Amino acid sequence: MTMRPDDHRRKWDKDEFERIAEERIQAEFDEEERLKKKAPVIKRELLKQREYKVDLDSKLGKSVVITKNTPTSQSGGYYCNVCDCVVKDSINFLDHINGKKHQRNLGMSMKIERSTLDQVKARFAHNKRKLEEKKDEYELDTRLKEAAEEEARIKELRRERRRDKKRKLQETDDTDDVPAQSELAQIMGFSGFGASKK
């Protein structure tokens, strides 16, 4: 800066400020380069299917007493031992398990392995075999159910026939008893004296 006694305005040294700006830009560039070299690239596994069943029903409908000294794993909600966190309900627990943070803690990226044509064909064949097995089991189950229903129907028909026979026998017995009533019973309005002929 140069100042003349008669000029009160500031004059800036443009060369000096350009040099300072270039130094700042160079320092920022060097810092970025250093960070790129310092941070190692982490190779994570590709996302894969879970090999275990998520247990959501074990604590369902159970009461738990929670105190200040209760460990977080036993406190209310669902505990994730990988991330060391507690989630309050099952939907959020599933979201957490399928989420990026949990998968990263397991050492997996959120990328999926691309399937080859042979893998897809093998999977289709596997699913087709499963479907046929289910169909066979279903046919067996339906046959068993139908046989049980048929047996129940036959038993019910037999019961009905027995009831009909008993009803017919009782009706014939009742018609035989009517003429045997005495005159006294008829006058008094009795249908009988409580004794039955059977």
Protein backbone atom coordinates (compact mmCIF):
# COMPACT_ATOMS: atom_id res chain seq x y z
CA MET A 1 0.00 0.00 0.00
CA THR A 2 1.24 3.38 -0.85
CA MET A 3 -0.15 6.51 0.58
CA ARG A 4 0.52 9.98 -0.57
CA PRO A 5 -0.10 12.79 1.88
CA ASP A 6 -2.66 14.47 -0.33
CA ASP A 7 -4.52 11.16 -1.21
CA HIS A 8 -6.49 9.60 1.65
CA ARG A 9 -7.71 6.53 -0.32
CA ARG A 10 -6.17 3.11 0.17
CA LYS A 11 -4.26 1.61 -2.68
CA TRP A 12 -3.93 -2.20 -2.80
CA ASP A 13 -0.90 -4.09 -4.04
CA LYS A 14 -2.55 -6.41 -6.58
CA ASP A 15 0.54 -8.57 -7.15
CA GLU A 16 0.84 -9.37 -3.45
CA PHE A 17 -2.85 -10.38 -3.12
CA GLU A 18 -2.64 -12.52 -6.25
CA ARG A 19 0.35 -14.32 -4.77
CA ILE A 20 -1.53 -14.90 -1.46
CA ALA A 21 -4.58 -16.23 -3.33
CA GLU A 22 -2.44 -18.61 -5.39
CA GLU A 23 -0.73 -19.90 -2.23
CA ARG A 24 -4.15 -20.53 -0.59
CA ILE A 25 -5.42 -22.40 -3.67
CA GLN A 26 -2.23 -24.48 -3.83
CA ALA A 27 -2.50 -25.34 -0.10
CA GLU A 28 -6.12 -26.48 -0.56
CA PHE A 29 -5.12 -28.61 -3.55
CA ASP A 30 -2.23 -30.18 -1.62
CA GLU A 31 -4.59 -30.94 1.32
CA GLU A 32 -7.06 -32.71 -1.01
CA GLU A 33 -4.25 -34.76 -2.56
CA ARG A 34 -2.95 -35.74 0.87
CA LEU A 35 -6.42 -36.88 2.02
CA LYS A 36 -6.91 -38.93 -1.14
CA LYS A 37 -3.62 -40.72 -0.62
CA LYS A 38 -4.19 -41.19 3.12
CA ALA A 39 -7.69 -42.75 2.97
CA PRO A 40 -7.33 -46.38 1.87
CA VAL A 41 -10.06 -47.73 -0.37
CA ILE A 42 -12.10 -50.25 1.60
CA LYS A 43 -13.23 -53.22 -0.44
CA ARG A 44 -16.54 -54.38 0.98
CA GLU A 45 -18.44 -57.56 0.22
CA LEU A 46 -21.39 -57.40 -2.11
CA LEU A 47 -24.82 -57.53 -0.55
CA LYS A 48 -26.04 -61.08 0.02
CA GLN A 49 -29.10 -62.84 1.41
CA ARG A 50 -29.43 -63.43 5.15
CA GLU A 51 -28.73 -67.00 6.25
CA TYR A 52 -30.70 -66.71 9.49
CA LYS A 53 -34.31 -65.98 10.36
CA VAL A 54 -34.97 -62.63 12.02
CA ASP A 55 -36.59 -63.28 15.41
CA LEU A 56 -39.45 -60.80 15.79
CA ASP A 57 -41.95 -62.97 17.71
CA SER A 58 -39.97 -64.14 20.76
CA LYS A 59 -40.74 -61.07 22.88
CA LEU A 60 -44.27 -60.66 21.56
CA GLY A 61 -46.84 -60.29 24.36
CA LYS A 62 -44.29 -60.57 27.19
CA SER A 63 -43.88 -58.09 30.00
CA VAL A 64 -40.38 -57.04 31.07
CA VAL A 65 -39.42 -54.98 34.11
CA ILE A 66 -36.83 -52.37 33.13
CA THR A 67 -34.76 -50.58 35.76
CA LYS A 68 -31.91 -48.08 35.57
CA ASN A 69 -29.41 -50.93 35.85
CA THR A 70 -30.91 -53.06 33.06
CA PRO A 71 -28.41 -53.58 30.23
CA THR A 72 -29.39 -52.11 26.87
CA SER A 73 -29.60 -55.56 25.30
CA GLN A 74 -32.39 -56.53 27.73
CA SER A 75 -34.24 -53.23 27.75
CA GLY A 76 -37.52 -52.73 25.88
CA GLY A 77 -37.41 -53.07 22.13
CA TYR A 78 -35.24 -54.93 19.66
CA TYR A 79 -31.48 -54.94 20.27
CA CYS A 80 -28.96 -55.02 17.41
CA ASN A 81 -25.71 -56.50 18.69
CA VAL A 82 -23.80 -55.49 15.54
CA CYS A 83 -24.55 -51.77 15.88
CA ASP A 84 -25.13 -51.84 19.67
CA CYS A 85 -28.44 -50.02 19.44
CA VAL A 86 -32.04 -50.56 20.56
CA VAL A 87 -34.95 -50.08 18.17
CA LYS A 88 -38.43 -49.75 19.64
CA ASP A 89 -40.63 -51.64 17.17
CA SER A 90 -40.38 -54.47 14.64
CA ILE A 91 -40.87 -52.35 11.51
CA ASN A 92 -38.04 -49.99 12.43
CA PHE A 93 -35.89 -52.99 13.42
CA LEU A 94 -36.34 -54.50 9.96
CA ASP A 95 -35.58 -51.12 8.38
CA HIS A 96 -32.41 -50.91 10.51
CA ILE A 97 -31.26 -54.44 9.61
CA ASN A 98 -31.76 -53.76 5.90
CA GLY A 99 -30.27 -50.27 6.14
CA LYS A 100 -26.94 -48.88 5.01
CA LYS A 101 -25.43 -48.36 8.48
CA HIS A 102 -26.05 -51.94 9.63
CA GLN A 103 -24.81 -53.42 6.35
CA ARG A 104 -21.67 -51.29 6.52
CA ASN A 105 -21.02 -52.53 10.08
CA LEU A 106 -21.35 -56.09 8.76
CA GLY A 107 -18.72 -55.27 6.12
CA MET A 108 -21.03 -55.21 3.13
CA SER A 109 -21.73 -52.57 0.55
CA MET A 110 -25.23 -51.89 -0.73
CA LYS A 111 -24.30 -53.18 -4.19
CA ILE A 112 -25.63 -56.49 -5.48
CA GLU A 113 -23.72 -59.08 -7.46
CA ARG A 114 -24.88 -59.29 -11.05
CA SER A 115 -26.25 -62.72 -11.90
CA THR A 116 -25.11 -64.63 -14.96
CA LEU A 117 -27.46 -66.37 -17.36
CA ASP A 118 -26.52 -69.80 -15.97
CA GLN A 119 -27.31 -68.69 -12.41
CA VAL A 120 -30.72 -67.38 -13.48
CA LYS A 121 -31.53 -70.62 -15.33
CA ALA A 122 -30.46 -72.69 -12.31
CA ARG A 123 -32.62 -70.57 -10.03
CA PHE A 124 -35.63 -70.99 -12.32
CA ALA A 125 -35.12 -74.77 -12.36
CA HIS A 126 -34.80 -74.82 -8.55
CA ASN A 127 -38.00 -72.80 -8.11
CA LYS A 128 -39.83 -75.05 -10.57
CA ARG A 129 -38.80 -78.17 -8.60
CA LYS A 130 -39.96 -76.51 -5.38
CA LEU A 131 -43.33 -75.65 -6.94
CA GLU A 132 -43.81 -79.24 -8.16
CA GLU A 133 -42.96 -80.61 -4.69
CA LYS A 134 -45.48 -78.23 -3.11
CA LYS A 135 -48.05 -79.31 -5.69
CA ASP A 136 -47.48 -82.99 -4.85
CA GLU A 137 -47.73 -82.27 -1.14
CA TYR A 138 -50.84 -80.19 -1.75
CA GLU A 139 -52.45 -82.99 -3.75
CA LEU A 140 -51.66 -85.47 -0.97
CA ASP A 141 -53.05 -83.10 1.66
CA THR A 142 -56.22 -82.47 -0.32
CA ARG A 143 -56.74 -86.18 -0.87
CA LEU A 144 -56.34 -86.84 2.86
CA LYS A 145 -58.78 -84.05 3.69
CA GLU A 146 -61.29 -85.29 1.14
CA ALA A 147 -61.04 -88.84 2.53
CA ALA A 148 -61.59 -87.55 6.08
CA GLU A 149 -64.61 -85.52 4.93
CA GLU A 150 -66.06 -88.55 3.11
CA GLU A 151 -65.68 -90.68 6.26
CA ALA A 152 -67.39 -87.99 8.34
CA ARG A 153 -70.25 -87.82 5.81
CA ILE A 154 -70.72 -91.62 5.88
CA LYS A 155 -70.76 -91.62 9.70
CA GLU A 156 -73.35 -88.85 9.71
CA LEU A 157 -75.55 -90.79 7.26
CA ARG A 158 -75.33 -93.89 9.47
CA ARG A 159 -76.33 -91.85 12.52
CA GLU A 160 -79.29 -90.40 10.63
CA ARG A 161 -80.44 -93.87 9.59
CA ARG A 162 -80.22 -95.12 13.19
CA ARG A 163 -82.20 -92.11 14.41
CA ASP A 164 -84.84 -92.68 11.75
CA LYS A 165 -85.14 -96.35 12.75
CA LYS A 166 -85.50 -95.42 16.44
CA ARG A 167 -88.09 -92.77 15.59
CA LYS A 168 -90.12 -95.27 13.52
CA LEU A 169 -89.94 -97.84 16.33
CA GLN A 170 -91.12 -95.27 18.89
CA GLU A 171 -93.97 -94.17 16.63
CA THR A 172 -95.17 -97.75 16.20
CA ASP A 173 -94.91 -98.31 19.99
CA ASP A 174 -96.86 -95.12 20.67
CA THR A 175 -99.69 -96.16 18.31
CA ASP A 176 -99.93 -99.53 20.12
CA ASP A 177 -100.23 -97.82 23.55
CA VAL A 178 -103.15 -95.56 22.60
CA PRO A 179 -105.94 -98.22 22.65
CA ALA A 180 -104.65 -99.68 25.92
CA GLN A 181 -105.42 -96.52 27.91
CA SER A 182 -108.13 -96.97 30.44
CA GLU A 183 -111.38 -95.06 30.55
CA LEU A 184 -110.48 -93.55 33.88
CA ALA A 185 -107.27 -92.11 32.48
CA GLN A 186 -109.17 -90.60 29.58
CA ILE A 187 -111.80 -89.06 31.84
CA MET A 188 -109.18 -87.58 34.17
CA GLY A 189 -107.12 -86.28 31.21
CA PHE A 190 -104.06 -88.43 31.79
CA SER A 191 -102.25 -89.86 28.87
CA GLY A 192 -100.81 -92.52 31.12
CA PHE A 193 -99.71 -93.28 34.65
CA GLY A 194 -95.99 -92.76 34.03
CA ALA A 195 -95.12 -96.34 33.19
CA SER A 196 -93.97 -96.98 29.69
CA LYS A 197 -93.86 -100.27 27.84
CA LYS A 198 -90.53 -100.66 26.22
